[in-house]
Amino acid sequence: MVAPAQAATAASPAAPAGTKSVLDDRSAQATKHFYSSHWTRGECEDRGWYWLGQHPSWEWTCEPGLGTDGKFKYHLYLWY
């Protein structure tokens, strides 16, 4: 006869080695999201620092380029 503790172990095998928990998302790769366009680099950076303060694990970049109106701007991208 099998002892109760042994029966429970046999009925519920351990997860295979190297299996990642569903709750462990720290290793998930961040993706780039456009957030907003700004006339100056300073405005763009201020907004980037604001979001970093709200979400310390995020990253941000300000990239120069043309807006949808054809005018030069700095585009804020958030990585999360």
N, C-alpha and C. Protein backbone atom coordinates (compact mmCIF):
# COMPACT_ATOMS: atom_id res chain seq x y z
N MET A 1 0.84 -1.18 0.00
CA MET A 1 0.00 0.00 0.00
C MET A 1 0.89 1.25 0.00
N VAL A 2 0.49 2.27 -0.73
CA VAL A 2 1.26 3.50 -0.85
C VAL A 2 0.85 4.46 0.25
N ALA A 3 1.83 5.08 0.89
CA ALA A 3 1.53 6.07 1.94
C ALA A 3 0.90 7.30 1.30
N PRO A 4 0.02 8.04 2.01
CA PRO A 4 -0.66 9.21 1.45
C PRO A 4 0.31 10.26 0.88
N ALA A 5 1.43 10.53 1.54
CA ALA A 5 2.38 11.53 1.04
C ALA A 5 2.99 11.07 -0.27
N GLN A 6 3.30 9.80 -0.39
CA GLN A 6 3.88 9.29 -1.62
C GLN A 6 2.86 9.31 -2.75
N ALA A 7 1.63 9.04 -2.45
CA ALA A 7 0.59 9.05 -3.48
C ALA A 7 0.40 10.46 -4.04
N ALA A 8 0.44 11.46 -3.18
CA ALA A 8 0.28 12.84 -3.64
C ALA A 8 1.43 13.25 -4.54
N THR A 9 2.62 12.81 -4.20
CA THR A 9 3.79 13.14 -5.03
C THR A 9 3.69 12.49 -6.39
N ALA A 10 3.26 11.26 -6.43
CA ALA A 10 3.15 10.55 -7.69
C ALA A 10 2.04 11.13 -8.56
N ALA A 11 0.98 11.65 -7.94
CA ALA A 11 -0.15 12.17 -8.68
C ALA A 11 0.12 13.57 -9.25
N SER A 12 1.04 14.31 -8.65
CA SER A 12 1.31 15.67 -9.11
C SER A 12 2.80 15.83 -9.35
N PRO A 13 3.28 15.46 -10.54
CA PRO A 13 4.71 15.55 -10.82
C PRO A 13 5.19 16.99 -10.86
N ALA A 14 6.46 17.19 -10.55
CA ALA A 14 7.05 18.53 -10.58
C ALA A 14 7.15 19.01 -12.02
N ALA A 15 7.20 20.33 -12.18
CA ALA A 15 7.36 20.91 -13.52
C ALA A 15 8.73 20.54 -14.06
N PRO A 16 8.84 20.35 -15.37
CA PRO A 16 10.13 20.00 -15.96
C PRO A 16 11.17 21.09 -15.68
N ALA A 17 12.42 20.69 -15.61
CA ALA A 17 13.50 21.64 -15.38
C ALA A 17 13.51 22.68 -16.50
N GLY A 18 13.74 23.93 -16.12
CA GLY A 18 13.80 25.01 -17.10
C GLY A 18 12.45 25.62 -17.43
N THR A 19 11.38 25.13 -16.82
CA THR A 19 10.06 25.68 -17.08
C THR A 19 9.92 27.00 -16.35
N LYS A 20 9.43 28.01 -17.03
CA LYS A 20 9.27 29.34 -16.45
C LYS A 20 7.85 29.50 -15.93
N SER A 21 7.72 30.09 -14.76
CA SER A 21 6.42 30.35 -14.19
C SER A 21 5.66 31.36 -15.04
N VAL A 22 4.36 31.23 -15.12
CA VAL A 22 3.54 32.19 -15.85
C VAL A 22 3.64 33.57 -15.22
N LEU A 23 3.87 33.61 -13.91
CA LEU A 23 3.94 34.88 -13.20
C LEU A 23 5.29 35.57 -13.34
N ASP A 24 6.31 34.86 -13.84
CA ASP A 24 7.64 35.44 -13.97
C ASP A 24 7.80 36.08 -15.34
N ASP A 25 7.43 37.36 -15.46
CA ASP A 25 7.50 38.05 -16.75
C ASP A 25 8.67 39.02 -16.82
N ARG A 26 9.57 38.98 -15.86
CA ARG A 26 10.70 39.92 -15.86
C ARG A 26 11.62 39.69 -17.05
N SER A 27 11.67 38.48 -17.57
CA SER A 27 12.56 38.22 -18.68
C SER A 27 11.90 38.51 -20.03
N ALA A 28 10.65 38.93 -20.02
CA ALA A 28 9.96 39.26 -21.27
C ALA A 28 10.61 40.50 -21.89
N GLN A 29 10.77 40.49 -23.18
CA GLN A 29 11.42 41.58 -23.87
C GLN A 29 10.48 42.78 -23.97
N ALA A 30 10.99 43.97 -23.67
CA ALA A 30 10.20 45.19 -23.79
C ALA A 30 10.01 45.51 -25.27
N THR A 31 8.91 46.18 -25.57
CA THR A 31 8.65 46.60 -26.95
C THR A 31 8.55 48.11 -27.00
N LYS A 32 8.84 48.65 -28.16
CA LYS A 32 8.88 50.10 -28.39
C LYS A 32 7.49 50.61 -28.74
N HIS A 33 7.05 51.67 -28.03
CA HIS A 33 5.74 52.26 -28.28
C HIS A 33 5.90 53.76 -28.50
N PHE A 34 5.34 54.27 -29.60
CA PHE A 34 5.33 55.72 -29.82
C PHE A 34 4.39 56.33 -28.80
N TYR A 35 4.82 57.46 -28.17
CA TYR A 35 3.95 58.12 -27.20
C TYR A 35 3.52 59.50 -27.68
N SER A 36 4.49 60.37 -28.02
CA SER A 36 4.11 61.73 -28.40
C SER A 36 5.22 62.42 -29.19
N SER A 37 4.88 63.55 -29.80
CA SER A 37 5.84 64.37 -30.55
C SER A 37 5.98 65.72 -29.85
N HIS A 38 7.20 66.28 -29.88
CA HIS A 38 7.48 67.54 -29.19
C HIS A 38 8.31 68.44 -30.08
N TRP A 39 8.13 69.74 -29.91
CA TRP A 39 8.86 70.72 -30.72
C TRP A 39 10.33 70.79 -30.34
N THR A 40 10.66 70.57 -29.06
CA THR A 40 12.06 70.66 -28.63
C THR A 40 12.49 69.37 -27.94
N ARG A 41 13.81 69.13 -27.98
CA ARG A 41 14.35 67.95 -27.30
C ARG A 41 14.08 68.04 -25.79
N GLY A 42 14.18 69.24 -25.23
CA GLY A 42 13.94 69.41 -23.80
C GLY A 42 12.54 68.98 -23.39
N GLU A 43 11.54 69.38 -24.17
CA GLU A 43 10.15 68.97 -23.88
C GLU A 43 10.01 67.46 -23.94
N CYS A 44 10.63 66.86 -24.95
CA CYS A 44 10.57 65.42 -25.13
C CYS A 44 11.23 64.71 -23.94
N GLU A 45 12.42 65.17 -23.56
CA GLU A 45 13.13 64.55 -22.45
C GLU A 45 12.37 64.72 -21.13
N ASP A 46 11.77 65.89 -20.92
CA ASP A 46 10.98 66.10 -19.70
C ASP A 46 9.86 65.08 -19.60
N ARG A 47 9.17 64.83 -20.71
CA ARG A 47 8.08 63.85 -20.72
C ARG A 47 8.62 62.43 -20.50
N GLY A 48 9.78 62.14 -21.07
CA GLY A 48 10.40 60.83 -20.86
C GLY A 48 10.76 60.60 -19.40
N TRP A 49 11.35 61.62 -18.76
CA TRP A 49 11.68 61.51 -17.34
C TRP A 49 10.42 61.38 -16.49
N TYR A 50 9.35 62.06 -16.89
CA TYR A 50 8.08 61.94 -16.16
C TYR A 50 7.61 60.48 -16.14
N TRP A 51 7.60 59.85 -17.32
CA TRP A 51 7.12 58.47 -17.39
C TRP A 51 8.05 57.50 -16.68
N LEU A 52 9.35 57.77 -16.70
CA LEU A 52 10.28 56.92 -15.96
C LEU A 52 10.01 57.01 -14.46
N GLY A 53 9.63 58.20 -13.98
CA GLY A 53 9.27 58.35 -12.57
C GLY A 53 8.02 57.58 -12.21
N GLN A 54 7.07 57.47 -13.14
CA GLN A 54 5.84 56.73 -12.90
C GLN A 54 6.05 55.22 -13.01
N HIS A 55 6.96 54.81 -13.89
CA HIS A 55 7.21 53.39 -14.17
C HIS A 55 8.72 53.16 -14.24
N PRO A 56 9.38 52.96 -13.11
CA PRO A 56 10.85 52.86 -13.09
C PRO A 56 11.44 51.76 -13.98
N SER A 57 10.67 50.75 -14.32
CA SER A 57 11.22 49.68 -15.16
C SER A 57 11.18 50.02 -16.65
N TRP A 58 10.48 51.08 -17.02
CA TRP A 58 10.40 51.48 -18.43
C TRP A 58 11.67 52.21 -18.85
N GLU A 59 11.87 52.30 -20.15
CA GLU A 59 12.94 53.12 -20.73
C GLU A 59 12.31 54.03 -21.77
N TRP A 60 13.05 55.07 -22.16
CA TRP A 60 12.50 55.99 -23.16
C TRP A 60 13.63 56.51 -24.05
N THR A 61 13.23 56.97 -25.24
CA THR A 61 14.17 57.63 -26.15
C THR A 61 13.43 58.77 -26.85
N CYS A 62 14.18 59.81 -27.19
CA CYS A 62 13.66 60.92 -28.00
C CYS A 62 14.39 60.87 -29.33
N GLU A 63 13.66 60.64 -30.39
CA GLU A 63 14.27 60.51 -31.71
C GLU A 63 13.82 61.65 -32.61
N PRO A 64 14.76 62.33 -33.26
CA PRO A 64 14.39 63.42 -34.17
C PRO A 64 13.77 62.87 -35.44
N GLY A 65 12.85 63.64 -36.00
CA GLY A 65 12.22 63.24 -37.26
C GLY A 65 11.10 64.18 -37.64
N LEU A 66 10.45 63.88 -38.75
CA LEU A 66 9.34 64.70 -39.21
C LEU A 66 8.03 64.18 -38.63
N GLY A 67 7.17 65.13 -38.24
CA GLY A 67 5.85 64.76 -37.76
C GLY A 67 4.91 64.51 -38.93
N THR A 68 3.68 64.16 -38.63
CA THR A 68 2.70 63.91 -39.69
C THR A 68 2.35 65.18 -40.45
N ASP A 69 2.70 66.34 -39.85
CA ASP A 69 2.47 67.62 -40.53
C ASP A 69 3.67 68.04 -41.38
N GLY A 70 4.70 67.18 -41.44
CA GLY A 70 5.87 67.47 -42.25
C GLY A 70 6.88 68.38 -41.57
N LYS A 71 6.67 68.74 -40.30
CA LYS A 71 7.58 69.63 -39.59
C LYS A 71 8.49 68.82 -38.67
N PHE A 72 9.71 69.35 -38.45
CA PHE A 72 10.69 68.68 -37.62
C PHE A 72 10.25 68.66 -36.16
N LYS A 73 10.34 67.48 -35.53
CA LYS A 73 9.96 67.32 -34.13
C LYS A 73 10.83 66.24 -33.49
N TYR A 74 10.67 66.08 -32.19
CA TYR A 74 11.29 64.98 -31.45
C TYR A 74 10.17 64.04 -31.02
N HIS A 75 10.37 62.78 -31.32
CA HIS A 75 9.34 61.78 -31.02
C HIS A 75 9.74 60.95 -29.80
N LEU A 76 8.85 60.89 -28.83
CA LEU A 76 9.10 60.13 -27.61
C LEU A 76 8.59 58.70 -27.79
N TYR A 77 9.50 57.76 -27.57
CA TYR A 77 9.16 56.34 -27.60
C TYR A 77 9.40 55.77 -26.21
N LEU A 78 8.46 54.99 -25.74
CA LEU A 78 8.57 54.32 -24.44
C LEU A 78 8.78 52.83 -24.68
N TRP A 79 9.69 52.25 -23.93
CA TRP A 79 9.96 50.81 -23.99
C TRP A 79 9.40 50.17 -22.74
N TYR A 80 8.42 49.32 -22.92
CA TYR A 80 7.86 48.57 -21.77
C TYR A 80 7.32 47.25 -22.24
